[in-house]
Every structure is written in structure tokens, then in C-alpha cells.
Amino acid sequence: MVELSKNEIRKTMATSLGTAFGIVIGMVWTQVVLSAFATGGIPLTSIGGTWTQWGIFVFTAIIVTLICVIAIVMISRWGGKE
């Protein structure tokens, strides 16, 4: 039977959580780009709006990105403890 050490579990959890936050960042920015096309008159989705709404969307995406990057760094540090 294989025994898992606390370090192995931490590293695996940190990698998984970092990946999850990266996916969240990618999903948010995908929507920002798609909404920019829609706002510019090139609807790739059913979402449209004004440039002001798009600007708010970009601001929100930046905030989500910063929060996720900080979380990734913190989780990576936690996962790298020996």
C-alpha cells in the first residue's frame, strides 16, 4: 500500500487549485473578448451592450485576475512547504 505524505498531498492540492484559478481567469477573459466583438458590431454570441458596460466588464475581469493570481501564489507557497 502506498502512503502519501503531507507534502505530496499539499503539492497536488496546490497544483489543482492553481489550475482551477487559471481556468477561471481564462473564462472571464474569454467573455471580455467576446463582448468586445459584440459591442463593436461583430456578434459572436448573443451578448451585446455599450462600451461603458464593456469597460465595467474589463475592470471586473482585471479584479478577478488579480484575486486569482494572488490566490495562486499563496497556494503555491503553501503547497511548496516542506
Foldseek 3Di string as FASTA:
>chain_A
DDDDDPLNVLLVVLVVLLVVLVVVLVVLVVVLVQAVCQQVVNHPDPDYDHVVVSVVSVVVSVVSNVVSVVVSVVSNVRSNDD
